[in-house]
Amino acid sequence: MVAEELLVNALAECFTWDELRMLVSFQFGEALENITKNDRGLRVVAFDLVKWSSRRGKRRELFDAAAKANPVVELVRLSDALKSDAFDGRYIACNNCGAKFFAS
């Protein structure tokens, strides 16, 4: 699924292990160590986290929490003209690297 891949990319680019650990603890009351392992690389950690949230129907909650938790990440609403069936017009924009990651 494209949205999951883009969210994985956003989390891996814009968060550290410790930031993700805190996000998961505060938002979901779960230890990141129960979802994935620290020695797997940040991209794999982000992948495991997104898959975990998707299985629980909480991918949107993860997306919103990521946008709120990281000061270099902002949630942006695109104009109606840019919306499509695949995306609802929201994306994560990383102010550090300029990358934009859409989420559905």
PDB file of N, CA and C in Angstrom:
ATOM      1  N   MET A   1       0.837  -1.171   0.000  1.00  0.00           N
ATOM      2  CA  MET A   1       0.000   0.000   0.000  1.00  0.00           C
ATOM      3  C   MET A   1       0.888   1.243   0.000  1.00  0.00           C
ATOM      4  N   VAL A   2       0.620   2.141  -0.896  1.00  0.00           N
ATOM      5  CA  VAL A   2       1.448   3.331  -1.080  1.00  0.00           C
ATOM      6  C   VAL A   2       1.472   4.206   0.166  1.00  0.00           C
ATOM      7  N   ALA A   3       0.325   4.429   0.789  1.00  0.00           N
ATOM      8  CA  ALA A   3       0.278   5.309   1.959  1.00  0.00           C
ATOM      9  C   ALA A   3       1.151   4.778   3.081  1.00  0.00           C
ATOM     10  N   GLU A   4       1.153   3.474   3.286  1.00  0.00           N
ATOM     11  CA  GLU A   4       1.995   2.894   4.327  1.00  0.00           C
ATOM     12  C   GLU A   4       3.468   3.118   4.024  1.00  0.00           C
ATOM     13  N   GLU A   5       3.864   2.921   2.787  1.00  0.00           N
ATOM     14  CA  GLU A   5       5.265   3.120   2.407  1.00  0.00           C
ATOM     15  C   GLU A   5       5.694   4.568   2.623  1.00  0.00           C
ATOM     16  N   LEU A   6       4.838   5.493   2.265  1.00  0.00           N
ATOM     17  CA  LEU A   6       5.167   6.904   2.429  1.00  0.00           C
ATOM     18  C   LEU A   6       5.239   7.290   3.900  1.00  0.00           C
ATOM     19  N   LEU A   7       4.377   6.719   4.734  1.00  0.00           N
ATOM     20  CA  LEU A   7       4.442   6.987   6.165  1.00  0.00           C
ATOM     21  C   LEU A   7       5.711   6.395   6.767  1.00  0.00           C
ATOM     22  N   VAL A   8       6.095   5.209   6.320  1.00  0.00           N
ATOM     23  CA  VAL A   8       7.364   4.613   6.763  1.00  0.00           C
ATOM     24  C   VAL A   8       8.514   5.558   6.439  1.00  0.00           C
ATOM     25  N   ASN A   9       8.546   6.058   5.218  1.00  0.00           N
ATOM     26  CA  ASN A   9       9.608   6.979   4.808  1.00  0.00           C
ATOM     27  C   ASN A   9       9.631   8.226   5.687  1.00  0.00           C
ATOM     28  N   ALA A  10       8.472   8.779   5.972  1.00  0.00           N
ATOM     29  CA  ALA A  10       8.392   9.983   6.790  1.00  0.00           C
ATOM     30  C   ALA A  10       8.911   9.729   8.197  1.00  0.00           C
ATOM     31  N   LEU A  11       8.486   8.635   8.811  1.00  0.00           N
ATOM     32  CA  LEU A  11       8.932   8.324  10.168  1.00  0.00           C
ATOM     33  C   LEU A  11      10.436   8.085  10.213  1.00  0.00           C
ATOM     34  N   ALA A  12      10.960   7.366   9.225  1.00  0.00           N
ATOM     35  CA  ALA A  12      12.391   7.054   9.195  1.00  0.00           C
ATOM     36  C   ALA A  12      13.232   8.308   8.967  1.00  0.00           C
ATOM     37  N   GLU A  13      12.727   9.239   8.189  1.00  0.00           N
ATOM     38  CA  GLU A  13      13.480  10.462   7.877  1.00  0.00           C
ATOM     39  C   GLU A  13      13.396  11.516   8.979  1.00  0.00           C
ATOM     40  N   CYS A  14      12.282  11.568   9.684  1.00  0.00           N
ATOM     41  CA  CYS A  14      12.009  12.709  10.561  1.00  0.00           C
ATOM     42  C   CYS A  14      12.073  12.397  12.050  1.00  0.00           C
ATOM     43  N   PHE A  15      12.315  11.132  12.423  1.00  0.00           N
ATOM     44  CA  PHE A  15      12.344  10.756  13.830  1.00  0.00           C
ATOM     45  C   PHE A  15      13.564   9.905  14.141  1.00  0.00           C
ATOM     46  N   THR A  16      14.010   9.994  15.378  1.00  0.00           N
ATOM     47  CA  THR A  16      15.035   9.090  15.888  1.00  0.00           C
ATOM     48  C   THR A  16      14.333   7.927  16.598  1.00  0.00           C
ATOM     49  N   TRP A  17      15.115   6.906  16.974  1.00  0.00           N
ATOM     50  CA  TRP A  17      14.558   5.783  17.736  1.00  0.00           C
ATOM     51  C   TRP A  17      13.902   6.300  19.016  1.00  0.00           C
ATOM     52  N   ASP A  18      14.599   7.154  19.747  1.00  0.00           N
ATOM     53  CA  ASP A  18      14.072   7.655  21.015  1.00  0.00           C
ATOM     54  C   ASP A  18      12.802   8.476  20.829  1.00  0.00           C
ATOM     55  N   GLU A  19      12.744   9.273  19.786  1.00  0.00           N
ATOM     56  CA  GLU A  19      11.525  10.050  19.514  1.00  0.00           C
ATOM     57  C   GLU A  19      10.352   9.136  19.187  1.00  0.00           C
ATOM     58  N   LEU A  20      10.591   8.095  18.407  1.00  0.00           N
ATOM     59  CA  LEU A  20       9.527   7.131  18.109  1.00  0.00           C
ATOM     60  C   LEU A  20       9.106   6.382  19.367  1.00  0.00           C
ATOM     61  N   ARG A  21      10.071   6.045  20.203  1.00  0.00           N
ATOM     62  CA  ARG A  21       9.778   5.345  21.461  1.00  0.00           C
ATOM     63  C   ARG A  21       8.842   6.187  22.333  1.00  0.00           C
ATOM     64  N   MET A  22       9.127   7.478  22.441  1.00  0.00           N
ATOM     65  CA  MET A  22       8.274   8.357  23.231  1.00  0.00           C
ATOM     66  C   MET A  22       6.897   8.532  22.588  1.00  0.00           C
ATOM     67  N   LEU A  23       6.874   8.697  21.267  1.00  0.00           N
ATOM     68  CA  LEU A  23       5.609   8.866  20.552  1.00  0.00           C
ATOM     69  C   LEU A  23       4.695   7.671  20.801  1.00  0.00           C
ATOM     70  N   VAL A  24       5.229   6.470  20.672  1.00  0.00           N
ATOM     71  CA  VAL A  24       4.435   5.255  20.862  1.00  0.00           C
ATOM     72  C   VAL A  24       3.972   5.139  22.307  1.00  0.00           C
ATOM     73  N   SER A  25       4.832   5.466  23.234  1.00  0.00           N
ATOM     74  CA  SER A  25       4.471   5.394  24.646  1.00  0.00           C
ATOM     75  C   SER A  25       3.364   6.388  24.992  1.00  0.00           C
ATOM     76  N   PHE A  26       3.524   7.626  24.579  1.00  0.00           N
ATOM     77  CA  PHE A  26       2.535   8.656  24.899  1.00  0.00           C
ATOM     78  C   PHE A  26       1.213   8.431  24.167  1.00  0.00           C
ATOM     79  N   GLN A  27       1.276   8.083  22.895  1.00  0.00           N
ATOM     80  CA  GLN A  27       0.070   7.987  22.074  1.00  0.00           C
ATOM     81  C   GLN A  27      -0.687   6.675  22.277  1.00  0.00           C
ATOM     82  N   PHE A  28       0.064   5.577  22.390  1.00  0.00           N
ATOM     83  CA  PHE A  28      -0.582   4.260  22.408  1.00  0.00           C
ATOM     84  C   PHE A  28      -0.409   3.514  23.732  1.00  0.00           C
ATOM     85  N   GLY A  29       0.395   4.072  24.657  1.00  0.00           N
ATOM     86  CA  GLY A  29       0.630   3.389  25.917  1.00  0.00           C
ATOM     87  C   GLY A  29       1.349   2.068  25.742  1.00  0.00           C
ATOM     88  N   GLU A  30       2.183   1.987  24.727  1.00  0.00           N
ATOM     89  CA  GLU A  30       2.887   0.755  24.367  1.00  0.00           C
ATOM     90  C   GLU A  30       4.383   1.038  24.313  1.00  0.00           C
ATOM     91  N   ALA A  31       5.173   0.033  24.619  1.00  0.00           N
ATOM     92  CA  ALA A  31       6.627   0.157  24.488  1.00  0.00           C
ATOM     93  C   ALA A  31       7.018  -0.190  23.052  1.00  0.00           C
ATOM     94  N   LEU A  32       7.792   0.675  22.426  1.00  0.00           N
ATOM     95  CA  LEU A  32       8.243   0.415  21.058  1.00  0.00           C
ATOM     96  C   LEU A  32       9.013  -0.898  20.990  1.00  0.00           C
ATOM     97  N   GLU A  33       9.707  -1.236  22.072  1.00  0.00           N
ATOM     98  CA  GLU A  33      10.461  -2.487  22.125  1.00  0.00           C
ATOM     99  C   GLU A  33       9.559  -3.717  22.016  1.00  0.00           C
ATOM    100  N   ASN A  34       8.270  -3.568  22.322  1.00  0.00           N
ATOM    101  CA  ASN A  34       7.311  -4.665  22.160  1.00  0.00           C
ATOM    102  C   ASN A  34       6.834  -4.797  20.723  1.00  0.00           C
ATOM    103  N   ILE A  35       7.103  -3.784  19.917  1.00  0.00           N
ATOM    104  CA  ILE A  35       6.668  -3.771  18.521  1.00  0.00           C
ATOM    105  C   ILE A  35       7.805  -4.132  17.587  1.00  0.00           C
ATOM    106  N   THR A  36       9.002  -3.670  17.900  1.00  0.00           N
ATOM    107  CA  THR A  36      10.163  -3.887  17.036  1.00  0.00           C
ATOM    108  C   THR A  36      11.423  -3.806  17.883  1.00  0.00           C
ATOM    109  N   LYS A  37      12.574  -4.037  17.250  1.00  0.00           N
ATOM    110  CA  LYS A  37      13.860  -4.001  17.951  1.00  0.00           C
ATOM    111  C   LYS A  37      14.694  -2.825  17.470  1.00  0.00           C
ATOM    112  N   ASN A  38      15.462  -2.255  18.376  1.00  0.00           N
ATOM    113  CA  ASN A  38      16.284  -1.093  18.089  1.00  0.00           C
ATOM    114  C   ASN A  38      17.430  -1.400  17.123  1.00  0.00           C
ATOM    115  N   ASP A  39      17.880  -2.643  17.067  1.00  0.00           N
ATOM    116  CA  ASP A  39      19.051  -2.986  16.259  1.00  0.00           C
ATOM    117  C   ASP A  39      18.718  -3.283  14.800  1.00  0.00           C
ATOM    118  N   ARG A  40      17.523  -2.973  14.365  1.00  0.00           N
ATOM    119  CA  ARG A  40      17.087  -3.335  13.013  1.00  0.00           C
ATOM    120  C   ARG A  40      17.241  -2.212  11.999  1.00  0.00           C
ATOM    121  N   GLY A  41      17.647  -1.035  12.428  1.00  0.00           N
ATOM    122  CA  GLY A  41      17.735   0.105  11.520  1.00  0.00           C
ATOM    123  C   GLY A  41      16.426   0.885  11.558  1.00  0.00           C
ATOM    124  N   LEU A  42      16.522   2.189  11.439  1.00  0.00           N
ATOM    125  CA  LEU A  42      15.356   3.051  11.626  1.00  0.00           C
ATOM    126  C   LEU A  42      14.266   2.822  10.584  1.00  0.00           C
ATOM    127  N   ARG A  43      14.647   2.516   9.364  1.00  0.00           N
ATOM    128  CA  ARG A  43      13.626   2.273   8.326  1.00  0.00           C
ATOM    129  C   ARG A  43      12.816   1.027   8.645  1.00  0.00           C
ATOM    130  N   VAL A  44      13.468  -0.027   9.119  1.00  0.00           N
ATOM    131  CA  VAL A  44      12.757  -1.256   9.488  1.00  0.00           C
ATOM    132  C   VAL A  44      11.907  -1.008  10.724  1.00  0.00           C
ATOM    133  N   VAL A  45      12.419  -0.242  11.670  1.00  0.00           N
ATOM    134  CA  VAL A  45      11.644   0.120  12.863  1.00  0.00           C
ATOM    135  C   VAL A  45      10.370   0.858  12.441  1.00  0.00           C
ATOM    136  N   ALA A  46      10.509   1.829  11.549  1.00  0.00           N
ATOM    137  CA  ALA A  46       9.352   2.583  11.067  1.00  0.00           C
ATOM    138  C   ALA A  46       8.377   1.654  10.342  1.00  0.00           C
ATOM    139  N   PHE A  47       8.882   0.741   9.530  1.00  0.00           N
ATOM    140  CA  PHE A  47       8.044  -0.234   8.826  1.00  0.00           C
ATOM    141  C   PHE A  47       7.244  -1.067   9.826  1.00  0.00           C
ATOM    142  N   ASP A  48       7.930  -1.600  10.826  1.00  0.00           N
ATOM    143  CA  ASP A  48       7.256  -2.424  11.839  1.00  0.00           C
ATOM    144  C   ASP A  48       6.181  -1.621  12.569  1.00  0.00           C
ATOM    145  N   LEU A  49       6.473  -0.371  12.879  1.00  0.00           N
ATOM    146  CA  LEU A  49       5.526   0.476  13.591  1.00  0.00           C
ATOM    147  C   LEU A  49       4.291   0.768  12.740  1.00  0.00           C
ATOM    148  N   VAL A  50       4.495   1.074  11.474  1.00  0.00           N
ATOM    149  CA  VAL A  50       3.364   1.351  10.583  1.00  0.00           C
ATOM    150  C   VAL A  50       2.511   0.095  10.403  1.00  0.00           C
ATOM    151  N   LYS A  51       3.138  -1.050  10.213  1.00  0.00           N
ATOM    152  CA  LYS A  51       2.386  -2.305  10.078  1.00  0.00           C
ATOM    153  C   LYS A  51       1.601  -2.603  11.351  1.00  0.00           C
ATOM    154  N   TRP A  52       2.225  -2.397  12.496  1.00  0.00           N
ATOM    155  CA  TRP A  52       1.569  -2.602  13.782  1.00  0.00           C
ATOM    156  C   TRP A  52       0.333  -1.710  13.902  1.00  0.00           C
ATOM    157  N   SER A  53       0.492  -0.433  13.558  1.00  0.00           N
ATOM    158  CA  SER A  53      -0.633   0.502  13.661  1.00  0.00           C
ATOM    159  C   SER A  53      -1.733   0.162  12.654  1.00  0.00           C
ATOM    160  N   SER A  54      -1.362  -0.291  11.470  1.00  0.00           N
ATOM    161  CA  SER A  54      -2.354  -0.661  10.456  1.00  0.00           C
ATOM    162  C   SER A  54      -3.178  -1.866  10.899  1.00  0.00           C
ATOM    163  N   ARG A  55      -2.510  -2.858  11.484  1.00  0.00           N
ATOM    164  CA  ARG A  55      -3.229  -4.060  11.948  1.00  0.00           C
ATOM    165  C   ARG A  55      -4.253  -3.714  13.022  1.00  0.00           C
ATOM    166  N   ARG A  56      -4.019  -2.655  13.756  1.00  0.00           N
ATOM    167  CA  ARG A  56      -4.917  -2.246  14.837  1.00  0.00           C
ATOM    168  C   ARG A  56      -5.883  -1.141  14.430  1.00  0.00           C
ATOM    169  N   GLY A  57      -5.854  -0.777  13.146  1.00  0.00           N
ATOM    170  CA  GLY A  57      -6.726   0.291  12.669  1.00  0.00           C
ATOM    171  C   GLY A  57      -6.345   1.658  13.206  1.00  0.00           C
ATOM    172  N   LYS A  58      -5.054   1.858  13.478  1.00  0.00           N
ATOM    173  CA  LYS A  58      -4.583   3.100  14.090  1.00  0.00           C
ATOM    174  C   LYS A  58      -3.540   3.823  13.246  1.00  0.00           C
ATOM    175  N   ARG A  59      -3.510   3.546  11.953  1.00  0.00           N
ATOM    176  CA  ARG A  59      -2.520   4.208  11.106  1.00  0.00           C
ATOM    177  C   ARG A  59      -2.761   5.715  11.049  1.00  0.00           C
ATOM    178  N   ARG A  60      -4.012   6.138  10.944  1.00  0.00           N
ATOM    179  CA  ARG A  60      -4.313   7.575  10.919  1.00  0.00           C
ATOM    180  C   ARG A  60      -3.898   8.217  12.244  1.00  0.00           C
ATOM    181  N   GLU A  61      -4.130   7.506  13.349  1.00  0.00           N
ATOM    182  CA  GLU A  61      -3.738   8.011  14.659  1.00  0.00           C
ATOM    183  C   GLU A  61      -2.216   8.170  14.746  1.00  0.00           C
ATOM    184  N   LEU A  62      -1.484   7.218  14.175  1.00  0.00           N
ATOM    185  CA  LEU A  62      -0.023   7.320  14.132  1.00  0.00           C
ATOM    186  C   LEU A  62       0.399   8.513  13.294  1.00  0.00           C
ATOM    187  N   PHE A  63      -0.217   8.680  12.144  1.00  0.00           N
ATOM    188  CA  PHE A  63       0.068   9.811  11.251  1.00  0.00           C
ATOM    189  C   PHE A  63      -0.149  11.138  11.987  1.00  0.00           C
ATOM    190  N   ASP A  64      -1.303  11.271  12.639  1.00  0.00           N
ATOM    191  CA  ASP A  64      -1.612  12.515  13.342  1.00  0.00           C
ATOM    192  C   ASP A  64      -0.664  12.741  14.521  1.00  0.00           C
ATOM    193  N   ALA A  65      -0.336  11.675  15.244  1.00  0.00           N
ATOM    194  CA  ALA A  65       0.581  11.796  16.385  1.00  0.00           C
ATOM    195  C   ALA A  65       1.975  12.205  15.924  1.00  0.00           C
ATOM    196  N   ALA A  66       2.420  11.655  14.801  1.00  0.00           N
ATOM    197  CA  ALA A  66       3.740  12.008  14.264  1.00  0.00           C
ATOM    198  C   ALA A  66       3.782  13.483  13.887  1.00  0.00           C
ATOM    199  N   ALA A  67       2.730  13.956  13.272  1.00  0.00           N
ATOM    200  CA  ALA A  67       2.675  15.358  12.862  1.00  0.00           C
ATOM    201  C   ALA A  67       2.657  16.286  14.067  1.00  0.00           C
ATOM    202  N   LYS A  68       2.029  15.849  15.153  1.00  0.00           N
ATOM    203  CA  LYS A  68       1.944  16.672  16.359  1.00  0.00           C
ATOM    204  C   LYS A  68       3.220  16.596  17.200  1.00  0.00           C
ATOM    205  N   ALA A  69       3.869  15.445  17.223  1.00  0.00           N
ATOM    206  CA  ALA A  69       4.983  15.205  18.138  1.00  0.00           C
ATOM    207  C   ALA A  69       6.299  15.834  17.710  1.00  0.00           C
ATOM    208  N   ASN A  70       6.533  15.944  16.440  1.00  0.00           N
ATOM    209  CA  ASN A  70       7.831  16.404  15.965  1.00  0.00           C
ATOM    210  C   ASN A  70       7.715  17.834  15.463  1.00  0.00           C
ATOM    211  N   PRO A  71       8.431  18.768  16.069  1.00  0.00           N
ATOM    212  CA  PRO A  71       8.299  20.167  15.667  1.00  0.00           C
ATOM    213  C   PRO A  71       8.758  20.455  14.242  1.00  0.00           C
ATOM    214  N   VAL A  72       9.527  19.559  13.625  1.00  0.00           N
ATOM    215  CA  VAL A  72       9.937  19.795  12.241  1.00  0.00           C
ATOM    216  C   VAL A  72       8.971  19.158  11.256  1.00  0.00           C
ATOM    217  N   VAL A  73       7.932  18.551  11.770  1.00  0.00           N
ATOM    218  CA  VAL A  73       6.925  17.915  10.919  1.00  0.00           C
ATOM    219  C   VAL A  73       5.635  18.701  11.055  1.00  0.00           C
ATOM    220  N   GLU A  74       5.015  19.004   9.942  1.00  0.00           N
ATOM    221  CA  GLU A  74       3.749  19.714  10.013  1.00  0.00           C
ATOM    222  C   GLU A  74       2.707  19.004   9.154  1.00  0.00           C
ATOM    223  N   LEU A  75       1.499  19.026   9.629  1.00  0.00           N
ATOM    224  CA  LEU A  75       0.384  18.439   8.904  1.00  0.00           C
ATOM    225  C   LEU A  75      -0.242  19.530   8.068  1.00  0.00           C
ATOM    226  N   VAL A  76      -0.357  19.276   6.802  1.00  0.00           N
ATOM    227  CA  VAL A  76      -0.820  20.302   5.884  1.00  0.00           C
ATOM    228  C   VAL A  76      -2.043  19.797   5.128  1.00  0.00           C
ATOM    229  N   ARG A  77      -3.015  20.631   4.973  1.00  0.00           N
ATOM    230  CA  ARG A  77      -4.183  20.303   4.167  1.00  0.00           C
ATOM    231  C   ARG A  77      -4.012  20.923   2.787  1.00  0.00           C
ATOM    232  N   LEU A  78      -4.014  20.083   1.772  1.00  0.00           N
ATOM    233  CA  LEU A  78      -3.876  20.581   0.406  1.00  0.00           C
ATOM    234  C   LEU A  78      -5.209  21.123  -0.083  1.00  0.00           C
ATOM    235  N   SER A  79      -5.165  21.914  -1.114  1.00  0.00           N
ATOM    236  CA  SER A  79      -6.398  22.432  -1.699  1.00  0.00           C
ATOM    237  C   SER A  79      -7.195  21.291  -2.319  1.00  0.00           C
ATOM    238  N   ASP A  80      -8.477  21.472  -2.463  1.00  0.00           N
ATOM    239  CA  ASP A  80      -9.350  20.432  -3.022  1.00  0.00           C
ATOM    240  C   ASP A  80      -8.901  20.009  -4.416  1.00  0.00           C
ATOM    241  N   ALA A  81      -8.294  20.914  -5.155  1.00  0.00           N
ATOM    242  CA  ALA A  81      -7.857  20.598  -6.519  1.00  0.00           C
ATOM    243  C   ALA A  81      -6.774  19.524  -6.543  1.00  0.00           C
ATOM    244  N   LEU A  82      -6.005  19.405  -5.472  1.00  0.00           N
ATOM    245  CA  LEU A  82      -4.912  18.438  -5.440  1.00  0.00           C
ATOM    246  C   LEU A  82      -5.337  17.095  -4.851  1.00  0.00           C
ATOM    247  N   LYS A  83      -6.559  17.004  -4.352  1.00  0.00           N
ATOM    248  CA  LYS A  83      -7.019  15.758  -3.741  1.00  0.00           C
ATOM    249  C   LYS A  83      -7.321  14.719  -4.802  1.00  0.00           C
ATOM    250  N   SER A  84      -7.166  13.468  -4.417  1.00  0.00           N
ATOM    251  CA  SER A  84      -7.498  12.365  -5.318  1.00  0.00           C
ATOM    252  C   SER A  84      -8.125  11.256  -4.492  1.00  0.00           C
ATOM    253  N   ASP A  85      -8.546  10.183  -5.151  1.00  0.00           N
ATOM    254  CA  ASP A  85      -9.107   9.037  -4.444  1.00  0.00           C
ATOM    255  C   ASP A  85      -8.059   8.373  -3.560  1.00  0.00           C
ATOM    256  N   ALA A  86      -6.799   8.434  -3.961  1.00  0.00           N
ATOM    257  CA  ALA A  86      -5.735   7.743  -3.235  1.00  0.00           C
ATOM    258  C   ALA A  86      -5.350   8.467  -1.945  1.00  0.00           C
ATOM    259  N   PHE A  87      -5.466   9.777  -1.937  1.00  0.00           N
ATOM    260  CA  PHE A  87      -5.039  10.558  -0.783  1.00  0.00           C
ATOM    261  C   PHE A  87      -6.139  11.528  -0.404  1.00  0.00           C
ATOM    262  N   ASP A  88      -6.251  11.807   0.870  1.00  0.00           N
ATOM    263  CA  ASP A  88      -7.291  12.738   1.315  1.00  0.00           C
ATOM    264  C   ASP A  88      -6.787  14.175   1.371  1.00  0.00           C
ATOM    265  N   GLY A  89      -5.594  14.414   0.874  1.00  0.00           N
ATOM    266  CA  GLY A  89      -5.075  15.771   0.828  1.00  0.00           C
ATOM    267  C   GLY A  89      -4.181  16.142   1.986  1.00  0.00           C
ATOM    268  N   ARG A  90      -3.855  15.181   2.842  1.00  0.00           N
ATOM    269  CA  ARG A  90      -2.989  15.478   3.979  1.00  0.00           C
ATOM    270  C   ARG A  90      -1.618  14.871   3.732  1.00  0.00           C
ATOM    271  N   TYR A  91      -0.608  15.574   4.164  1.00  0.00           N
ATOM    272  CA  TYR A  91       0.729  15.025   4.047  1.00  0.00           C
ATOM    273  C   TYR A  91       1.608  15.527   5.178  1.00  0.00           C
ATOM    274  N   ILE A  92       2.677  14.769   5.405  1.00  0.00           N
ATOM    275  CA  ILE A  92       3.695  15.174   6.351  1.00  0.00           C
ATOM    276  C   ILE A  92       4.786  15.877   5.557  1.00  0.00           C
ATOM    277  N   ALA A  93       5.162  17.064   5.995  1.00  0.00           N
ATOM    278  CA  ALA A  93       6.245  17.793   5.352  1.00  0.00           C
ATOM    279  C   ALA A  93       7.378  17.936   6.355  1.00  0.00           C
ATOM    280  N   CYS A  94       8.531  17.407   6.022  1.00  0.00           N
ATOM    281  CA  CYS A  94       9.681  17.499   6.911  1.00  0.00           C
ATOM    282  C   CYS A  94      10.434  18.787   6.594  1.00  0.00           C
ATOM    283  N   ASN A  95      10.462  19.690   7.551  1.00  0.00           N
ATOM    284  CA  ASN A  95      11.128  20.970   7.337  1.00  0.00           C
ATOM    285  C   ASN A  95      12.645  20.846   7.327  1.00  0.00           C
ATOM    286  N   ASN A  96      13.180  19.740   7.842  1.00  0.00           N
ATOM    287  CA  ASN A  96      14.626  19.527   7.816  1.00  0.00           C
ATOM    288  C   ASN A  96      15.110  19.189   6.417  1.00  0.00           C
ATOM    289  N   CYS A  97      14.423  18.249   5.768  1.00  0.00           N
ATOM    290  CA  CYS A  97      14.904  17.781   4.465  1.00  0.00           C
ATOM    291  C   CYS A  97      14.011  18.217   3.311  1.00  0.00           C
ATOM    292  N   GLY A  98      12.851  18.812   3.616  1.00  0.00           N
ATOM    293  CA  GLY A  98      11.958  19.284   2.564  1.00  0.00           C
ATOM    294  C   GLY A  98      11.092  18.199   1.949  1.00  0.00           C
ATOM    295  N   ALA A  99      11.214  16.969   2.431  1.00  0.00           N
ATOM    296  CA  ALA A  99      10.444  15.869   1.859  1.00  0.00           C
ATOM    297  C   ALA A  99       8.987  15.985   2.257  1.00  0.00           C
ATOM    298  N   LYS A 100       8.118  15.518   1.362  1.00  0.00           N
ATOM    299  CA  LYS A 100       6.678  15.480   1.644  1.00  0.00           C
ATOM    300  C   LYS A 100       6.225  14.033   1.492  1.00  0.00           C
ATOM    301  N   PHE A 101       5.483  13.562   2.464  1.00  0.00           N
ATOM    302  CA  PHE A 101       5.023  12.177   2.479  1.00  0.00           C
ATOM    303  C   PHE A 101       3.520  12.175   2.652  1.00  0.00           C
ATOM    304  N   PHE A 102       2.800  11.741   1.637  1.00  0.00           N
ATOM    305  CA  PHE A 102       1.336  11.727   1.677  1.00  0.00           C
ATOM    306  C   PHE A 102       0.839  10.541   2.491  1.00  0.00           C
ATOM    307  N   ALA A 103      -0.308  10.694   3.079  1.00  0.00           N
ATOM    308  CA  ALA A 103      -0.936   9.592   3.830  1.00  0.00           C
ATOM    309  C   ALA A 103      -2.418   9.578   3.522  1.00  0.00           C
ATOM    310  N   SER A 104      -2.957   8.394   3.467  1.00  0.00           N
ATOM    311  CA  SER A 104      -4.397   8.276   3.225  1.00  0.00           C
ATOM    312  C   SER A 104      -5.087   7.785   4.465  1.00  0.00           C
TER     313      SER A 104
END
